[in-house]
């Protein structure tokens, strides 16, 4: 039986959903005997940060942070999974879509929410862009919820229950 996925592109951003995507991609790679490529994008520095003196961290510190993020993600994978890492500059969605269009990958796995400002309320901007523009399948994952389970609704009264009549 041949594998459906041979080369899986995984977006790594250090968010809980991104970590769940990495775990899922790892299991999928093991099952499919696929190779993983972990991609992390260094976002462009906002213009407002460039205007304010000292507001943006030094470039070497930014690169070091994202390199460490990739190193940590790679270290979390089992030794029997083949992995390559890519550290790119620019918007993450653009980087993922460009690689998807290259024809080198069969699937993108990413978290549904990243570390963006609105990640609590909306489908992540990056994931939404990739989902709509990717020429290959995109698998979105979510981290396990820490909210308590919702209690089941009470069962409806059966026709055998007797209720007193009022009035």
C-alpha atoms as a PDB file:
ATOM      1  CA  UNK A   1       0.000   0.000   0.000  1.00  0.00           C
ATOM      2  CA  UNK A   2       1.431   3.384  -0.952  1.00  0.00           C
ATOM      3  CA  UNK A   3       1.439   6.403   1.306  1.00  0.00           C
ATOM      4  CA  UNK A   4      -0.943   9.258   0.658  1.00  0.00           C
ATOM      5  CA  UNK A   5       1.501  11.794   2.079  1.00  0.00           C
ATOM      6  CA  UNK A   6       5.227  11.724   1.413  1.00  0.00           C
ATOM      7  CA  UNK A   7       6.238  15.294   2.275  1.00  0.00           C
ATOM      8  CA  UNK A   8       4.364  17.215   4.931  1.00  0.00           C
ATOM      9  CA  UNK A   9       4.908  20.924   5.534  1.00  0.00           C
ATOM     10  CA  UNK A  10       4.327  21.940   9.156  1.00  0.00           C
ATOM     11  CA  UNK A  11       3.909  25.534  10.338  1.00  0.00           C
ATOM     12  CA  UNK A  12       5.747  26.014  13.638  1.00  0.00           C
ATOM     13  CA  UNK A  13       5.027  29.131  15.708  1.00  0.00           C
ATOM     14  CA  UNK A  14       5.261  28.001  19.336  1.00  0.00           C
ATOM     15  CA  UNK A  15       1.548  28.481  20.017  1.00  0.00           C
ATOM     16  CA  UNK A  16      -0.521  25.748  21.702  1.00  0.00           C
ATOM     17  CA  UNK A  17      -2.361  25.082  18.423  1.00  0.00           C
ATOM     18  CA  UNK A  18       0.966  25.035  16.564  1.00  0.00           C
ATOM     19  CA  UNK A  19       2.310  22.500  19.058  1.00  0.00           C
ATOM     20  CA  UNK A  20      -0.801  20.356  18.510  1.00  0.00           C
ATOM     21  CA  UNK A  21      -0.195  20.592  14.746  1.00  0.00           C
ATOM     22  CA  UNK A  22       3.378  19.392  15.205  1.00  0.00           C
ATOM     23  CA  UNK A  23       2.255  16.430  17.332  1.00  0.00           C
ATOM     24  CA  UNK A  24      -0.410  15.481  14.788  1.00  0.00           C
ATOM     25  CA  UNK A  25       2.006  15.837  11.872  1.00  0.00           C
ATOM     26  CA  UNK A  26       4.514  13.668  13.719  1.00  0.00           C
ATOM     27  CA  UNK A  27       1.970  10.873  14.152  1.00  0.00           C
ATOM     28  CA  UNK A  28       0.866  11.230  10.536  1.00  0.00           C
ATOM     29  CA  UNK A  29       4.469  11.152   9.286  1.00  0.00           C
ATOM     30  CA  UNK A  30       5.144   7.993  11.244  1.00  0.00           C
ATOM     31  CA  UNK A  31       1.982   6.342   9.914  1.00  0.00           C
ATOM     32  CA  UNK A  32       2.599   7.420   6.300  1.00  0.00           C
ATOM     33  CA  UNK A  33       6.407   7.045   6.342  1.00  0.00           C
ATOM     34  CA  UNK A  34       6.506  10.703   5.338  1.00  0.00           C
ATOM     35  CA  UNK A  35       9.134  13.387   5.678  1.00  0.00           C
ATOM     36  CA  UNK A  36       8.376  16.533   7.710  1.00  0.00           C
ATOM     37  CA  UNK A  37       9.524  20.023   6.837  1.00  0.00           C
ATOM     38  CA  UNK A  38       9.089  22.437   9.737  1.00  0.00           C
ATOM     39  CA  UNK A  39       8.682  26.037   8.636  1.00  0.00           C
ATOM     40  CA  UNK A  40       8.951  29.103  10.836  1.00  0.00           C
ATOM     41  CA  UNK A  41       8.594  32.589   9.413  1.00  0.00           C
ATOM     42  CA  UNK A  42      10.229  35.640  10.926  1.00  0.00           C
ATOM     43  CA  UNK A  43       7.517  38.283  10.595  1.00  0.00           C
ATOM     44  CA  UNK A  44       8.351  41.669   9.114  1.00  0.00           C
ATOM     45  CA  UNK A  45       9.011  44.393  11.672  1.00  0.00           C
ATOM     46  CA  UNK A  46       5.949  46.672  11.857  1.00  0.00           C
ATOM     47  CA  UNK A  47       6.528  50.199  10.565  1.00  0.00           C
ATOM     48  CA  UNK A  48       5.477  51.618  13.930  1.00  0.00           C
ATOM     49  CA  UNK A  49       8.312  49.719  15.621  1.00  0.00           C
ATOM     50  CA  UNK A  50      10.785  51.183  13.144  1.00  0.00           C
ATOM     51  CA  UNK A  51       9.604  54.711  13.955  1.00  0.00           C
ATOM     52  CA  UNK A  52      10.017  54.350  17.701  1.00  0.00           C
ATOM     53  CA  UNK A  53      13.653  54.348  18.751  1.00  0.00           C
ATOM     54  CA  UNK A  54      14.559  51.115  20.516  1.00  0.00           C
ATOM     55  CA  UNK A  55      11.053  49.646  20.173  1.00  0.00           C
ATOM     56  CA  UNK A  56      12.128  46.766  17.940  1.00  0.00           C
ATOM     57  CA  UNK A  57      14.412  44.092  19.393  1.00  0.00           C
ATOM     58  CA  UNK A  58      17.839  43.704  17.793  1.00  0.00           C
ATOM     59  CA  UNK A  59      17.696  41.651  14.582  1.00  0.00           C
ATOM     60  CA  UNK A  60      20.075  38.992  15.883  1.00  0.00           C
ATOM     61  CA  UNK A  61      17.824  38.430  18.919  1.00  0.00           C
ATOM     62  CA  UNK A  62      14.776  37.969  16.698  1.00  0.00           C
ATOM     63  CA  UNK A  63      16.586  35.434  14.513  1.00  0.00           C
ATOM     64  CA  UNK A  64      17.896  33.655  17.617  1.00  0.00           C
ATOM     65  CA  UNK A  65      14.339  33.396  19.028  1.00  0.00           C
ATOM     66  CA  UNK A  66      12.908  31.823  15.875  1.00  0.00           C
ATOM     67  CA  UNK A  67      15.915  29.540  15.429  1.00  0.00           C
ATOM     68  CA  UNK A  68      15.424  28.294  18.980  1.00  0.00           C
ATOM     69  CA  UNK A  69      11.719  27.752  18.280  1.00  0.00           C
ATOM     70  CA  UNK A  70      12.632  25.480  15.349  1.00  0.00           C
ATOM     71  CA  UNK A  71      15.310  23.702  17.377  1.00  0.00           C
ATOM     72  CA  UNK A  72      12.842  22.986  20.174  1.00  0.00           C
ATOM     73  CA  UNK A  73      10.218  21.700  17.700  1.00  0.00           C
ATOM     74  CA  UNK A  74      12.759  19.421  16.026  1.00  0.00           C
ATOM     75  CA  UNK A  75      13.934  18.061  19.376  1.00  0.00           C
ATOM     76  CA  UNK A  76      10.355  17.144  20.299  1.00  0.00           C
ATOM     77  CA  UNK A  77      10.055  14.741  17.341  1.00  0.00           C
ATOM     78  CA  UNK A  78      10.813  11.023  17.568  1.00  0.00           C
ATOM     79  CA  UNK A  79      14.233  10.060  16.191  1.00  0.00           C
ATOM     80  CA  UNK A  80      12.758   7.846  13.457  1.00  0.00           C
ATOM     81  CA  UNK A  81      11.009  10.749  11.677  1.00  0.00           C
ATOM     82  CA  UNK A  82      12.897  12.444   8.863  1.00  0.00           C
ATOM     83  CA  UNK A  83      12.805  16.208   9.340  1.00  0.00           C
ATOM     84  CA  UNK A  84      14.067  19.335   7.616  1.00  0.00           C
ATOM     85  CA  UNK A  85      13.720  22.871   8.943  1.00  0.00           C
ATOM     86  CA  UNK A  86      13.149  26.145   7.121  1.00  0.00           C
ATOM     87  CA  UNK A  87      13.575  29.560   8.686  1.00  0.00           C
ATOM     88  CA  UNK A  88      12.228  32.180   6.285  1.00  0.00           C
ATOM     89  CA  UNK A  89      11.648  35.911   6.428  1.00  0.00           C
ATOM     90  CA  UNK A  90       8.324  37.520   5.678  1.00  0.00           C
ATOM     91  CA  UNK A  91       4.659  36.757   6.247  1.00  0.00           C
ATOM     92  CA  UNK A  92       4.020  33.152   7.287  1.00  0.00           C
ATOM     93  CA  UNK A  93       0.986  32.695   5.030  1.00  0.00           C
ATOM     94  CA  UNK A  94       2.949  33.784   1.964  1.00  0.00           C
ATOM     95  CA  UNK A  95       5.846  31.470   2.829  1.00  0.00           C
ATOM     96  CA  UNK A  96       3.559  28.468   3.311  1.00  0.00           C
ATOM     97  CA  UNK A  97       1.592  29.109   0.114  1.00  0.00           C
ATOM     98  CA  UNK A  98       4.771  29.551  -1.952  1.00  0.00           C
ATOM     99  CA  UNK A  99       6.097  26.228  -0.720  1.00  0.00           C
ATOM    100  CA  UNK A 100       2.752  24.543  -1.328  1.00  0.00           C
ATOM    101  CA  UNK A 101       2.815  25.808  -4.921  1.00  0.00           C
ATOM    102  CA  UNK A 102       6.338  24.463  -5.427  1.00  0.00           C
ATOM    103  CA  UNK A 103       4.949  20.955  -5.810  1.00  0.00           C
ATOM    104  CA  UNK A 104       7.299  19.524  -3.198  1.00  0.00           C
ATOM    105  CA  UNK A 105       4.629  18.903  -0.544  1.00  0.00           C
ATOM    106  CA  UNK A 106       1.453  16.830  -0.281  1.00  0.00           C
ATOM    107  CA  UNK A 107      -0.062  18.410   2.844  1.00  0.00           C
ATOM    108  CA  UNK A 108       0.227  21.443   5.123  1.00  0.00           C
ATOM    109  CA  UNK A 109      -0.402  20.907   8.834  1.00  0.00           C
ATOM    110  CA  UNK A 110      -0.842  23.983  10.996  1.00  0.00           C
ATOM    111  CA  UNK A 111      -2.603  25.254  14.090  1.00  0.00           C
ATOM    112  CA  UNK A 112      -5.912  26.989  13.613  1.00  0.00           C
ATOM    113  CA  UNK A 113      -4.735  29.885  15.784  1.00  0.00           C
ATOM    114  CA  UNK A 114      -1.252  31.252  16.181  1.00  0.00           C
ATOM    115  CA  UNK A 115       0.253  34.001  18.268  1.00  0.00           C
ATOM    116  CA  UNK A 116      -1.541  36.803  16.430  1.00  0.00           C
ATOM    117  CA  UNK A 117      -3.459  39.584  18.200  1.00  0.00           C
ATOM    118  CA  UNK A 118      -6.876  38.169  17.382  1.00  0.00           C
ATOM    119  CA  UNK A 119      -6.091  34.495  17.856  1.00  0.00           C
ATOM    120  CA  UNK A 120      -8.595  34.204  20.685  1.00  0.00           C
ATOM    121  CA  UNK A 121     -11.635  35.277  18.701  1.00  0.00           C
ATOM    122  CA  UNK A 122     -11.238  34.373  15.031  1.00  0.00           C
ATOM    123  CA  UNK A 123      -9.830  31.644  12.864  1.00  0.00           C
ATOM    124  CA  UNK A 124      -6.200  32.687  12.634  1.00  0.00           C
ATOM    125  CA  UNK A 125      -5.455  35.113   9.842  1.00  0.00           C
ATOM    126  CA  UNK A 126      -2.511  33.017   8.648  1.00  0.00           C
ATOM    127  CA  UNK A 127      -4.453  29.760   8.708  1.00  0.00           C
ATOM    128  CA  UNK A 128      -7.400  31.330   6.915  1.00  0.00           C
ATOM    129  CA  UNK A 129      -5.166  32.728   4.142  1.00  0.00           C
ATOM    130  CA  UNK A 130      -3.387  29.403   3.704  1.00  0.00           C
ATOM    131  CA  UNK A 131      -6.632  27.443   3.774  1.00  0.00           C
ATOM    132  CA  UNK A 132      -8.109  29.541   0.974  1.00  0.00           C
ATOM    133  CA  UNK A 133      -5.012  29.870  -1.234  1.00  0.00           C
ATOM    134  CA  UNK A 134      -3.227  26.538  -0.886  1.00  0.00           C
ATOM    135  CA  UNK A 135      -3.222  24.227  -3.898  1.00  0.00           C
ATOM    136  CA  UNK A 136      -2.709  21.227  -1.579  1.00  0.00           C
ATOM    137  CA  UNK A 137      -4.773  19.971   1.369  1.00  0.00           C
ATOM    138  CA  UNK A 138      -4.458  21.881   4.642  1.00  0.00           C
ATOM    139  CA  UNK A 139      -5.040  20.214   7.997  1.00  0.00           C
ATOM    140  CA  UNK A 140      -5.858  22.650  10.811  1.00  0.00           C
ATOM    141  CA  UNK A 141      -5.482  21.488  14.399  1.00  0.00           C
ATOM    142  CA  UNK A 142      -6.382  22.830  17.805  1.00  0.00           C
ATOM    143  CA  UNK A 143      -4.823  22.277  21.173  1.00  0.00           C
ATOM    144  CA  UNK A 144      -6.844  20.325  23.701  1.00  0.00           C
ATOM    145  CA  UNK A 145      -9.275  22.588  25.491  1.00  0.00           C
ATOM    146  CA  UNK A 146      -8.626  23.280  29.151  1.00  0.00           C
ATOM    147  CA  UNK A 147     -12.229  24.239  29.786  1.00  0.00           C
ATOM    148  CA  UNK A 148     -14.257  21.888  31.968  1.00  0.00           C
ATOM    149  CA  UNK A 149     -16.539  19.518  30.135  1.00  0.00           C
ATOM    150  CA  UNK A 150     -20.094  20.740  29.743  1.00  0.00           C
ATOM    151  CA  UNK A 151     -22.587  18.745  31.772  1.00  0.00           C
ATOM    152  CA  UNK A 152     -25.158  16.951  29.633  1.00  0.00           C
ATOM    153  CA  UNK A 153     -28.581  18.530  29.461  1.00  0.00           C
ATOM    154  CA  UNK A 154     -31.173  16.925  31.720  1.00  0.00           C
ATOM    155  CA  UNK A 155     -33.255  14.264  30.033  1.00  0.00           C
ATOM    156  CA  UNK A 156     -36.713  15.425  28.975  1.00  0.00           C
ATOM    157  CA  UNK A 157     -39.605  14.340  31.152  1.00  0.00           C
ATOM    158  CA  UNK A 158     -41.102  11.094  29.979  1.00  0.00           C
ATOM    159  CA  UNK A 159     -44.810  10.664  29.381  1.00  0.00           C
ATOM    160  CA  UNK A 160     -45.006   8.604  32.586  1.00  0.00           C
ATOM    161  CA  UNK A 161     -43.983  11.462  34.865  1.00  0.00           C
ATOM    162  CA  UNK A 162     -46.840  12.954  36.860  1.00  0.00           C
ATOM    163  CA  UNK A 163     -46.975  16.695  37.410  1.00  0.00           C
ATOM    164  CA  UNK A 164     -49.558  18.359  39.665  1.00  0.00           C
ATOM    165  CA  UNK A 165     -52.029  20.615  37.925  1.00  0.00           C
ATOM    166  CA  UNK A 166     -52.274  24.164  39.178  1.00  0.00           C
ATOM    167  CA  UNK A 167     -55.093  26.336  39.086  1.00  0.00           C
END
